C-alpha atoms as a PDB file:
ATOM      1  CA  MET A   1     -21.298  -8.550  21.618  1.00  0.00           C
ATOM      2  CA  SER A   2     -22.162  -5.438  23.654  1.00  0.00           C
ATOM      3  CA  THR A   3     -25.584  -4.617  25.079  1.00  0.00           C
ATOM      4  CA  PRO A   4     -27.346  -1.819  23.167  1.00  0.00           C
ATOM      5  CA  ASP A   5     -27.406   1.579  24.858  1.00  0.00           C
ATOM      6  CA  LEU A   6     -31.105   2.457  24.553  1.00  0.00           C
ATOM      7  CA  SER A   7     -30.593   6.001  25.889  1.00  0.00           C
ATOM      8  CA  THR A   8     -28.765   7.090  22.739  1.00  0.00           C
ATOM      9  CA  GLY A   9     -30.824   5.044  20.327  1.00  0.00           C
ATOM     10  CA  ALA A  10     -27.621   3.603  18.861  1.00  0.00           C
ATOM     11  CA  VAL A  11     -27.808   0.084  17.497  1.00  0.00           C
ATOM     12  CA  PRO A  12     -24.648  -1.942  18.018  1.00  0.00           C
ATOM     13  CA  ASP A  13     -22.829  -3.361  15.003  1.00  0.00           C
ATOM     14  CA  PRO A  14     -23.117  -7.177  15.310  1.00  0.00           C
ATOM     15  CA  SER A  15     -19.789  -7.619  13.477  1.00  0.00           C
ATOM     16  CA  VAL A  16     -17.951  -5.812  16.303  1.00  0.00           C
ATOM     17  CA  SER A  17     -17.463  -7.916  19.422  1.00  0.00           C
ATOM     18  CA  ASP A  18     -17.123  -6.601  22.949  1.00  0.00           C
ATOM     19  CA  GLU A  19     -13.375  -6.845  23.578  1.00  0.00           C
ATOM     20  CA  THR A  20     -13.884  -7.051  27.334  1.00  0.00           C
ATOM     21  CA  ALA A  21     -16.046 -10.173  27.171  1.00  0.00           C
ATOM     22  CA  ALA A  22     -14.195 -13.268  28.367  1.00  0.00           C
ATOM     23  CA  PRO A  23     -14.249 -16.309  26.106  1.00  0.00           C
ATOM     24  CA  SER A  24     -16.714 -18.998  27.100  1.00  0.00           C
ATOM     25  CA  LEU A  25     -15.580 -22.256  28.667  1.00  0.00           C
ATOM     26  CA  HIS A  26     -16.469 -24.002  25.404  1.00  0.00           C
ATOM     27  CA  GLU A  27     -14.271 -21.584  23.427  1.00  0.00           C
ATOM     28  CA  LEU A  28     -11.395 -22.021  25.887  1.00  0.00           C
ATOM     29  CA  PHE A  29     -11.681 -25.808  25.717  1.00  0.00           C
ATOM     30  CA  ASP A  30     -11.884 -25.765  21.931  1.00  0.00           C
ATOM     31  CA  ARG A  31      -8.719 -23.639  21.750  1.00  0.00           C
ATOM     32  CA  TYR A  32      -6.986 -25.892  24.287  1.00  0.00           C
ATOM     33  CA  ALA A  33      -7.851 -29.018  22.274  1.00  0.00           C
ATOM     34  CA  THR A  34      -6.659 -27.372  19.067  1.00  0.00           C
ATOM     35  CA  LEU A  35      -3.347 -26.360  20.655  1.00  0.00           C
ATOM     36  CA  ARG A  36      -2.851 -29.821  22.169  1.00  0.00           C
ATOM     37  CA  ASP A  37      -3.483 -31.554  18.840  1.00  0.00           C
ATOM     38  CA  THR A  38      -1.181 -29.105  17.030  1.00  0.00           C
ATOM     39  CA  ILE A  39       1.601 -29.567  19.588  1.00  0.00           C
ATOM     40  CA  GLN A  40       1.316 -33.366  19.445  1.00  0.00           C
ATOM     41  CA  GLY A  41       1.558 -33.277  15.660  1.00  0.00           C
ATOM     42  CA  LEU A  42       4.564 -30.967  15.776  1.00  0.00           C
ATOM     43  CA  GLU A  43       6.289 -33.109  18.420  1.00  0.00           C
ATOM     44  CA  ALA A  44       5.777 -36.244  16.321  1.00  0.00           C
ATOM     45  CA  GLU A  45       7.238 -34.491  13.285  1.00  0.00           C
ATOM     46  CA  ARG A  46      10.162 -33.191  15.365  1.00  0.00           C
ATOM     47  CA  GLU A  47      10.912 -36.731  16.587  1.00  0.00           C
ATOM     48  CA  GLU A  48      10.888 -38.084  13.030  1.00  0.00           C
ATOM     49  CA  LEU A  49      13.146 -35.294  11.767  1.00  0.00           C
ATOM     50  CA  GLY A  50      15.444 -35.719  14.775  1.00  0.00           C
ATOM     51  CA  THR A  51      15.867 -39.411  14.023  1.00  0.00           C
ATOM     52  CA  VAL A  52      16.877 -38.700  10.423  1.00  0.00           C
ATOM     53  CA  ILE A  53      19.215 -35.845  11.412  1.00  0.00           C
ATOM     54  CA  LYS A  54      20.852 -37.895  14.212  1.00  0.00           C
ATOM     55  CA  ALA A  55      21.516 -40.734  11.785  1.00  0.00           C
ATOM     56  CA  ALA A  56      23.126 -38.327   9.318  1.00  0.00           C
ATOM     57  CA  LEU A  57      25.281 -36.722  12.023  1.00  0.00           C
ATOM     58  CA  MET A  58      26.350 -40.152  13.312  1.00  0.00           C
ATOM     59  CA  ALA A  59      27.404 -40.951   9.722  1.00  0.00           C
ATOM     60  CA  GLY A  60      29.707 -37.929   9.789  1.00  0.00           C
ATOM     61  CA  GLU A  61      27.573 -35.334   8.066  1.00  0.00           C
ATOM     62  CA  GLN A  62      27.282 -31.760   9.342  1.00  0.00           C
ATOM     63  CA  VAL A  63      24.368 -29.361   9.126  1.00  0.00           C
ATOM     64  CA  GLU A  64      23.598 -25.827  10.220  1.00  0.00           C
ATOM     65  CA  THR A  65      21.270 -22.921   9.532  1.00  0.00           C
ATOM     66  CA  ASP A  66      21.884 -19.209   9.839  1.00  0.00           C
ATOM     67  CA  ILE A  67      21.066 -19.528  13.546  1.00  0.00           C
ATOM     68  CA  TYR A  68      21.897 -23.076  14.698  1.00  0.00           C
ATOM     69  CA  ARG A  69      24.497 -25.793  14.275  1.00  0.00           C
ATOM     70  CA  ALA A  70      23.384 -29.388  14.889  1.00  0.00           C
ATOM     71  CA  VAL A  71      25.622 -31.432  17.173  1.00  0.00           C
ATOM     72  CA  LEU A  72      25.253 -34.726  18.971  1.00  0.00           C
ATOM     73  CA  LYS A  73      25.472 -34.733  22.745  1.00  0.00           C
ATOM     74  CA  ARG A  74      26.317 -38.070  24.280  1.00  0.00           C
ATOM     75  CA  SER A  75      25.396 -38.967  27.822  1.00  0.00           C
ATOM     76  CA  LYS A  76      25.629 -42.235  29.682  1.00  0.00           C
ATOM     77  CA  ARG A  77      23.512 -43.776  32.385  1.00  0.00           C
ATOM     78  CA  LEU A  78      24.060 -46.778  34.551  1.00  0.00           C
ATOM     79  CA  GLU A  79      21.536 -49.624  34.380  1.00  0.00           C
ATOM     80  CA  TYR A  80      21.247 -53.071  35.916  1.00  0.00           C
ATOM     81  CA  PRO A  81      19.905 -55.751  33.534  1.00  0.00           C
ATOM     82  CA  VAL A  82      16.933 -57.430  35.230  1.00  0.00           C
ATOM     83  CA  ALA A  83      17.805 -61.018  34.271  1.00  0.00           C
ATOM     84  CA  ARG A  84      21.382 -60.782  35.534  1.00  0.00           C
ATOM     85  CA  PHE A  85      20.296 -58.887  38.661  1.00  0.00           C
ATOM     86  CA  ARG A  86      17.874 -61.721  39.431  1.00  0.00           C
ATOM     87  CA  GLU A  87      20.613 -64.356  38.902  1.00  0.00           C
ATOM     88  CA  VAL A  88      22.946 -62.585  41.298  1.00  0.00           C
ATOM     89  CA  PHE A  89      20.522 -61.343  43.980  1.00  0.00           C
ATOM     90  CA  GLY A  90      17.423 -63.550  43.658  1.00  0.00           C
ATOM     91  CA  ASP A  91      13.691 -63.037  43.249  1.00  0.00           C
ATOM     92  CA  ALA A  92      13.020 -61.159  46.491  1.00  0.00           C
ATOM     93  CA  ALA A  93      15.621 -58.467  45.801  1.00  0.00           C
ATOM     94  CA  THR A  94      14.504 -58.192  42.161  1.00  0.00           C
ATOM     95  CA  LEU A  95      10.911 -57.657  43.239  1.00  0.00           C
ATOM     96  CA  GLU A  96      12.063 -55.131  45.825  1.00  0.00           C
ATOM     97  CA  VAL A  97      13.618 -52.914  43.172  1.00  0.00           C
ATOM     98  CA  ALA A  98      10.874 -53.693  40.598  1.00  0.00           C
ATOM     99  CA  ASN A  99      12.502 -52.573  37.342  1.00  0.00           C
ATOM    100  CA  VAL A 100      15.934 -52.538  38.909  1.00  0.00           C
ATOM    101  CA  ASP A 101      15.822 -48.878  39.766  1.00  0.00           C
ATOM    102  CA  LYS A 102      19.416 -47.710  40.072  1.00  0.00           C
ATOM    103  CA  LYS A 103      18.821 -45.606  43.182  1.00  0.00           C
ATOM    104  CA  LYS A 104      16.862 -48.335  44.969  1.00  0.00           C
ATOM    105  CA  ALA A 105      19.453 -51.011  44.152  1.00  0.00           C
ATOM    106  CA  GLU A 106      22.282 -48.791  45.376  1.00  0.00           C
ATOM    107  CA  ALA A 107      20.339 -47.977  48.550  1.00  0.00           C
ATOM    108  CA  LEU A 108      19.874 -51.706  49.255  1.00  0.00           C
ATOM    109  CA  ALA A 109      23.596 -52.256  48.694  1.00  0.00           C
ATOM    110  CA  LYS A 110      24.475 -49.346  50.959  1.00  0.00           C
ATOM    111  CA  ALA A 111      22.203 -50.754  53.653  1.00  0.00           C
ATOM    112  CA  GLY A 112      23.986 -54.088  53.371  1.00  0.00           C
ATOM    113  CA  ASP A 113      21.031 -55.970  51.848  1.00  0.00           C
ATOM    114  CA  LEU A 114      22.937 -56.481  48.572  1.00  0.00           C
ATOM    115  CA  ASP A 115      26.610 -57.127  47.947  1.00  0.00           C
ATOM    116  CA  GLN A 116      27.999 -53.784  46.762  1.00  0.00           C
ATOM    117  CA  GLU A 117      30.849 -55.318  44.786  1.00  0.00           C
ATOM    118  CA  ALA A 118      28.537 -57.744  42.969  1.00  0.00           C
ATOM    119  CA  LEU A 119      26.146 -54.871  42.184  1.00  0.00           C
ATOM    120  CA  HIS A 120      29.023 -52.792  40.825  1.00  0.00           C
ATOM    121  CA  GLU A 121      30.208 -55.681  38.603  1.00  0.00           C
ATOM    122  CA  LEU A 122      26.647 -56.194  37.344  1.00  0.00           C
ATOM    123  CA  ALA A 123      26.239 -52.571  36.225  1.00  0.00           C
ATOM    124  CA  GLU A 124      26.137 -51.652  32.553  1.00  0.00           C
ATOM    125  CA  VAL A 125      26.649 -48.181  31.129  1.00  0.00           C
ATOM    126  CA  LYS A 126      24.091 -47.176  28.502  1.00  0.00           C
ATOM    127  CA  GLU A 127      24.801 -44.338  26.096  1.00  0.00           C
ATOM    128  CA  VAL A 128      22.090 -41.908  25.060  1.00  0.00           C
ATOM    129  CA  VAL A 129      22.534 -39.652  22.026  1.00  0.00           C
ATOM    130  CA  SER A 130      20.589 -36.381  21.906  1.00  0.00           C
ATOM    131  CA  LEU A 131      20.314 -33.845  19.114  1.00  0.00           C
ATOM    132  CA  VAL A 132      21.262 -30.385  20.382  1.00  0.00           C
ATOM    133  CA  LEU A 133      20.898 -27.051  18.599  1.00  0.00           C
ATOM    134  CA  LEU A 134      23.733 -24.705  19.498  1.00  0.00           C
ATOM    135  CA  PRO A 135      23.386 -21.023  18.757  1.00  0.00           C
ATOM    136  CA  LYS A 136      26.117 -20.165  16.252  1.00  0.00           C
ATOM    137  CA  GLY A 137      27.153 -17.013  18.078  1.00  0.00           C
ATOM    138  CA  GLY A 138      27.603 -18.807  21.428  1.00  0.00           C
ATOM    139  CA  ALA A 139      29.314 -21.873  22.787  1.00  0.00           C
END
């Protein structure tokens, strides 16, 4: 709200706010919390819908809107199962790489601390399926 200009005798309208006044810290925090809660709710709903849509696409169904076509994008990543890694390389090496971090395990093998061939044989390829929205006019 603006400060009254006493020289003119005008009384400010309390329903009109001063557009140049910055929001208070409380107002900013309240808006931030509201946005965060809204985004979290929307993300949870998106995950649920994505799960249902992925299952339908994996079953052979197709779906699109005026703007998007739903497709599944498959990607693979290499992982080392902890139990097998421990059997092959022992406790000390397993602790060294903690959760069998791919990069750390490969670095140990490259340095000669682990047998590279045994590490390669131990590796498993995991497939990840992601839901992708492709614009219909593009690729």
